[in-house]
Amino acid sequence: QVQLVESGGGLVQAGDSLRLSCAASGLTFSSYTMGWFRQAPGKEREFVAAISWNTVNTNYAASVKGRFTISRDNAKNTVYLQMNSLKPGDTAAYYCTAGVSRTVPTNDWRGYNYWGQGTQVTVSS
């Protein structure tokens, strides 16, 4: 079965950096758009970033553009989220997701078929 396993979360201070990783198995990784969503307590799940199967196209939420970078290594079946200049508002559980390949990676959660269990990121002020 399909598994998406996130890692790299933790507790950091404002201004610090973290890199999240998501290892995928059970699917033809290079055929899928990969994305990251996040959910803070009491809030709805929100789109963070996504990348097309061939890395040509990316899509970012306005709140993270310029600070976060999504990338993928199809040889390792892994997608990454480099997060710089972290803010307390970035505190959330971060979820890796895989969806049907599209030219422009969608920011709509309904466009994704598989989800990981999440990794917690906590940013203190």
C-alpha atoms as a PDB file:
ATOM      1  CA  GLN A   1       0.000   0.000   0.000  1.00  0.00           C
ATOM      2  CA  VAL A   2       0.988   3.613  -0.380  1.00  0.00           C
ATOM      3  CA  GLN A   3       2.969   5.088   2.494  1.00  0.00           C
ATOM      4  CA  LEU A   4       4.147   8.640   2.976  1.00  0.00           C
ATOM      5  CA  VAL A   5       6.392   9.093   5.993  1.00  0.00           C
ATOM      6  CA  GLU A   6       7.367  12.571   7.099  1.00  0.00           C
ATOM      7  CA  SER A   7      10.369  13.430   9.234  1.00  0.00           C
ATOM      8  CA  GLY A   8      12.397  16.452  10.292  1.00  0.00           C
ATOM      9  CA  GLY A   9       9.936  18.327  12.450  1.00  0.00           C
ATOM     10  CA  GLY A  10      10.855  19.754  15.820  1.00  0.00           C
ATOM     11  CA  LEU A  11      10.969  22.716  18.164  1.00  0.00           C
ATOM     12  CA  VAL A  12      12.925  25.725  16.934  1.00  0.00           C
ATOM     13  CA  GLN A  13      13.146  29.437  17.603  1.00  0.00           C
ATOM     14  CA  ALA A  14      11.859  32.185  15.369  1.00  0.00           C
ATOM     15  CA  GLY A  15      14.304  32.826  12.544  1.00  0.00           C
ATOM     16  CA  ASP A  16      15.643  29.281  12.518  1.00  0.00           C
ATOM     17  CA  SER A  17      15.458  26.782   9.676  1.00  0.00           C
ATOM     18  CA  LEU A  18      14.180  23.235   9.348  1.00  0.00           C
ATOM     19  CA  ARG A  19      14.076  20.745   6.492  1.00  0.00           C
ATOM     20  CA  LEU A  20      11.203  18.315   6.318  1.00  0.00           C
ATOM     21  CA  SER A  21      11.485  15.098   4.360  1.00  0.00           C
ATOM     22  CA  CYS A  22       8.802  12.742   3.096  1.00  0.00           C
ATOM     23  CA  ALA A  23       9.716   9.256   1.967  1.00  0.00           C
ATOM     24  CA  ALA A  24       7.180   7.627  -0.325  1.00  0.00           C
ATOM     25  CA  SER A  25       6.611   3.969  -1.097  1.00  0.00           C
ATOM     26  CA  GLY A  26       3.988   1.864  -2.816  1.00  0.00           C
ATOM     27  CA  LEU A  27       3.464   4.254  -5.722  1.00  0.00           C
ATOM     28  CA  THR A  28       5.243   5.348  -8.873  1.00  0.00           C
ATOM     29  CA  PHE A  29       6.649   8.426  -7.196  1.00  0.00           C
ATOM     30  CA  SER A  30       7.868  10.143 -10.337  1.00  0.00           C
ATOM     31  CA  SER A  31       4.313  10.139 -11.725  1.00  0.00           C
ATOM     32  CA  TYR A  32       2.796  12.141  -8.885  1.00  0.00           C
ATOM     33  CA  THR A  33       2.556  15.763  -7.936  1.00  0.00           C
ATOM     34  CA  MET A  34       3.812  16.085  -4.370  1.00  0.00           C
ATOM     35  CA  GLY A  35       2.698  18.647  -1.859  1.00  0.00           C
ATOM     36  CA  TRP A  36       2.834  19.855   1.710  1.00  0.00           C
ATOM     37  CA  PHE A  37      -0.106  21.053   3.767  1.00  0.00           C
ATOM     38  CA  ARG A  38      -0.197  22.124   7.392  1.00  0.00           C
ATOM     39  CA  GLN A  39      -2.761  22.327  10.154  1.00  0.00           C
ATOM     40  CA  ALA A  40      -2.555  24.323  13.350  1.00  0.00           C
ATOM     41  CA  PRO A  41      -4.745  23.552  16.364  1.00  0.00           C
ATOM     42  CA  GLY A  42      -8.253  24.861  15.848  1.00  0.00           C
ATOM     43  CA  LYS A  43      -7.590  25.786  12.227  1.00  0.00           C
ATOM     44  CA  GLU A  44      -8.347  24.195   8.892  1.00  0.00           C
ATOM     45  CA  ARG A  45      -5.702  22.381   6.915  1.00  0.00           C
ATOM     46  CA  GLU A  46      -3.970  24.824   4.589  1.00  0.00           C
ATOM     47  CA  PHE A  47      -1.840  24.475   1.504  1.00  0.00           C
ATOM     48  CA  VAL A  48       1.878  25.185   1.860  1.00  0.00           C
ATOM     49  CA  ALA A  49       3.662  24.126  -1.327  1.00  0.00           C
ATOM     50  CA  ALA A  50       3.566  21.644  -4.192  1.00  0.00           C
ATOM     51  CA  ILE A  51       5.865  20.464  -6.959  1.00  0.00           C
ATOM     52  CA  SER A  52       5.194  18.797 -10.284  1.00  0.00           C
ATOM     53  CA  TRP A  53       6.493  15.346 -11.120  1.00  0.00           C
ATOM     54  CA  ASN A  54       9.363  16.732 -13.193  1.00  0.00           C
ATOM     55  CA  THR A  55      10.222  19.606 -10.776  1.00  0.00           C
ATOM     56  CA  VAL A  56       9.505  22.156 -13.510  1.00  0.00           C
ATOM     57  CA  ASN A  57       6.525  23.729 -11.766  1.00  0.00           C
ATOM     58  CA  THR A  58       6.059  24.705  -8.144  1.00  0.00           C
ATOM     59  CA  ASN A  59       3.279  26.419  -6.256  1.00  0.00           C
ATOM     60  CA  TYR A  60       3.534  28.183  -2.886  1.00  0.00           C
ATOM     61  CA  ALA A  61       1.138  29.727  -0.440  1.00  0.00           C
ATOM     62  CA  ALA A  62       1.613  33.474  -0.219  1.00  0.00           C
ATOM     63  CA  SER A  63       2.446  33.173   3.463  1.00  0.00           C
ATOM     64  CA  VAL A  64       5.543  31.045   2.808  1.00  0.00           C
ATOM     65  CA  LYS A  65       6.728  32.252  -0.583  1.00  0.00           C
ATOM     66  CA  GLY A  66      10.324  33.394  -0.403  1.00  0.00           C
ATOM     67  CA  ARG A  67      10.941  31.521   2.847  1.00  0.00           C
ATOM     68  CA  PHE A  68      10.083  27.899   2.003  1.00  0.00           C
ATOM     69  CA  THR A  69      11.393  25.796  -0.871  1.00  0.00           C
ATOM     70  CA  ILE A  70       9.936  22.511  -2.035  1.00  0.00           C
ATOM     71  CA  SER A  71      12.090  20.026  -3.910  1.00  0.00           C
ATOM     72  CA  ARG A  72      12.080  16.351  -4.787  1.00  0.00           C
ATOM     73  CA  ASP A  73      14.469  13.555  -5.624  1.00  0.00           C
ATOM     74  CA  ASN A  74      12.704  11.025  -7.823  1.00  0.00           C
ATOM     75  CA  ALA A  75      15.615   8.603  -7.513  1.00  0.00           C
ATOM     76  CA  LYS A  76      15.066   8.517  -3.733  1.00  0.00           C
ATOM     77  CA  ASN A  77      11.252   8.746  -3.790  1.00  0.00           C
ATOM     78  CA  THR A  78      11.538  11.693  -1.460  1.00  0.00           C
ATOM     79  CA  VAL A  79      10.137  15.203  -1.337  1.00  0.00           C
ATOM     80  CA  TYR A  80      11.583  17.952   0.835  1.00  0.00           C
ATOM     81  CA  LEU A  81      10.426  21.210   2.334  1.00  0.00           C
ATOM     82  CA  GLN A  82      13.197  23.606   3.282  1.00  0.00           C
ATOM     83  CA  MET A  83      11.818  26.139   5.727  1.00  0.00           C
ATOM     84  CA  ASN A  84      13.838  29.263   6.480  1.00  0.00           C
ATOM     85  CA  SER A  85      13.110  32.325   8.603  1.00  0.00           C
ATOM     86  CA  LEU A  86      10.519  30.423  10.567  1.00  0.00           C
ATOM     87  CA  LYS A  87       7.853  32.350  12.431  1.00  0.00           C
ATOM     88  CA  PRO A  88       5.577  31.381  15.323  1.00  0.00           C
ATOM     89  CA  GLY A  89       2.709  31.442  12.825  1.00  0.00           C
ATOM     90  CA  ASP A  90       4.340  28.505  11.031  1.00  0.00           C
ATOM     91  CA  THR A  91       3.639  26.285  14.032  1.00  0.00           C
ATOM     92  CA  ALA A  92       1.523  23.363  12.835  1.00  0.00           C
ATOM     93  CA  ALA A  93       1.495  19.713  11.948  1.00  0.00           C
ATOM     94  CA  TYR A  94       2.915  19.370   8.433  1.00  0.00           C
ATOM     95  CA  TYR A  95       1.532  16.736   6.089  1.00  0.00           C
ATOM     96  CA  CYS A  96       3.048  15.296   2.944  1.00  0.00           C
ATOM     97  CA  THR A  97       0.667  14.446   0.146  1.00  0.00           C
ATOM     98  CA  ALA A  98       0.680  12.865  -3.316  1.00  0.00           C
ATOM     99  CA  GLY A  99      -1.767  13.570  -6.112  1.00  0.00           C
ATOM    100  CA  VAL A 100      -2.477  12.969  -9.748  1.00  0.00           C
ATOM    101  CA  SER A 101       0.077  14.758 -11.855  1.00  0.00           C
ATOM    102  CA  ARG A 102      -0.942  18.151 -13.184  1.00  0.00           C
ATOM    103  CA  THR A 103       0.978  20.718 -15.166  1.00  0.00           C
ATOM    104  CA  VAL A 104       0.433  23.271 -12.410  1.00  0.00           C
ATOM    105  CA  PRO A 105       0.454  21.678  -8.955  1.00  0.00           C
ATOM    106  CA  THR A 106      -2.848  22.363  -7.277  1.00  0.00           C
ATOM    107  CA  ASN A 107      -3.325  24.058  -3.910  1.00  0.00           C
ATOM    108  CA  ASP A 108      -6.660  22.287  -3.404  1.00  0.00           C
ATOM    109  CA  TRP A 109      -6.529  19.373  -0.929  1.00  0.00           C
ATOM    110  CA  ARG A 110      -9.133  17.559  -3.040  1.00  0.00           C
ATOM    111  CA  GLY A 111      -6.504  17.144  -5.722  1.00  0.00           C
ATOM    112  CA  TYR A 112      -4.435  14.826  -3.573  1.00  0.00           C
ATOM    113  CA  ASN A 113      -4.991  11.130  -3.085  1.00  0.00           C
ATOM    114  CA  TYR A 114      -2.546  10.055  -0.394  1.00  0.00           C
ATOM    115  CA  TRP A 115      -1.512  11.631   2.891  1.00  0.00           C
ATOM    116  CA  GLY A 116       1.170  11.054   5.484  1.00  0.00           C
ATOM    117  CA  GLN A 117       0.652  11.022   9.239  1.00  0.00           C
ATOM    118  CA  GLY A 118       2.251  14.403   9.754  1.00  0.00           C
ATOM    119  CA  THR A 119       5.241  15.851  11.579  1.00  0.00           C
ATOM    120  CA  GLN A 120       4.996  18.614  14.162  1.00  0.00           C
ATOM    121  CA  VAL A 121       6.794  21.914  13.717  1.00  0.00           C
ATOM    122  CA  THR A 122       6.785  24.295  16.664  1.00  0.00           C
ATOM    123  CA  VAL A 123       8.344  27.733  16.403  1.00  0.00           C
ATOM    124  CA  SER A 124       8.866  29.682  19.612  1.00  0.00           C
ATOM    125  CA  SER A 125       9.144  33.459  19.726  1.00  0.00           C
END
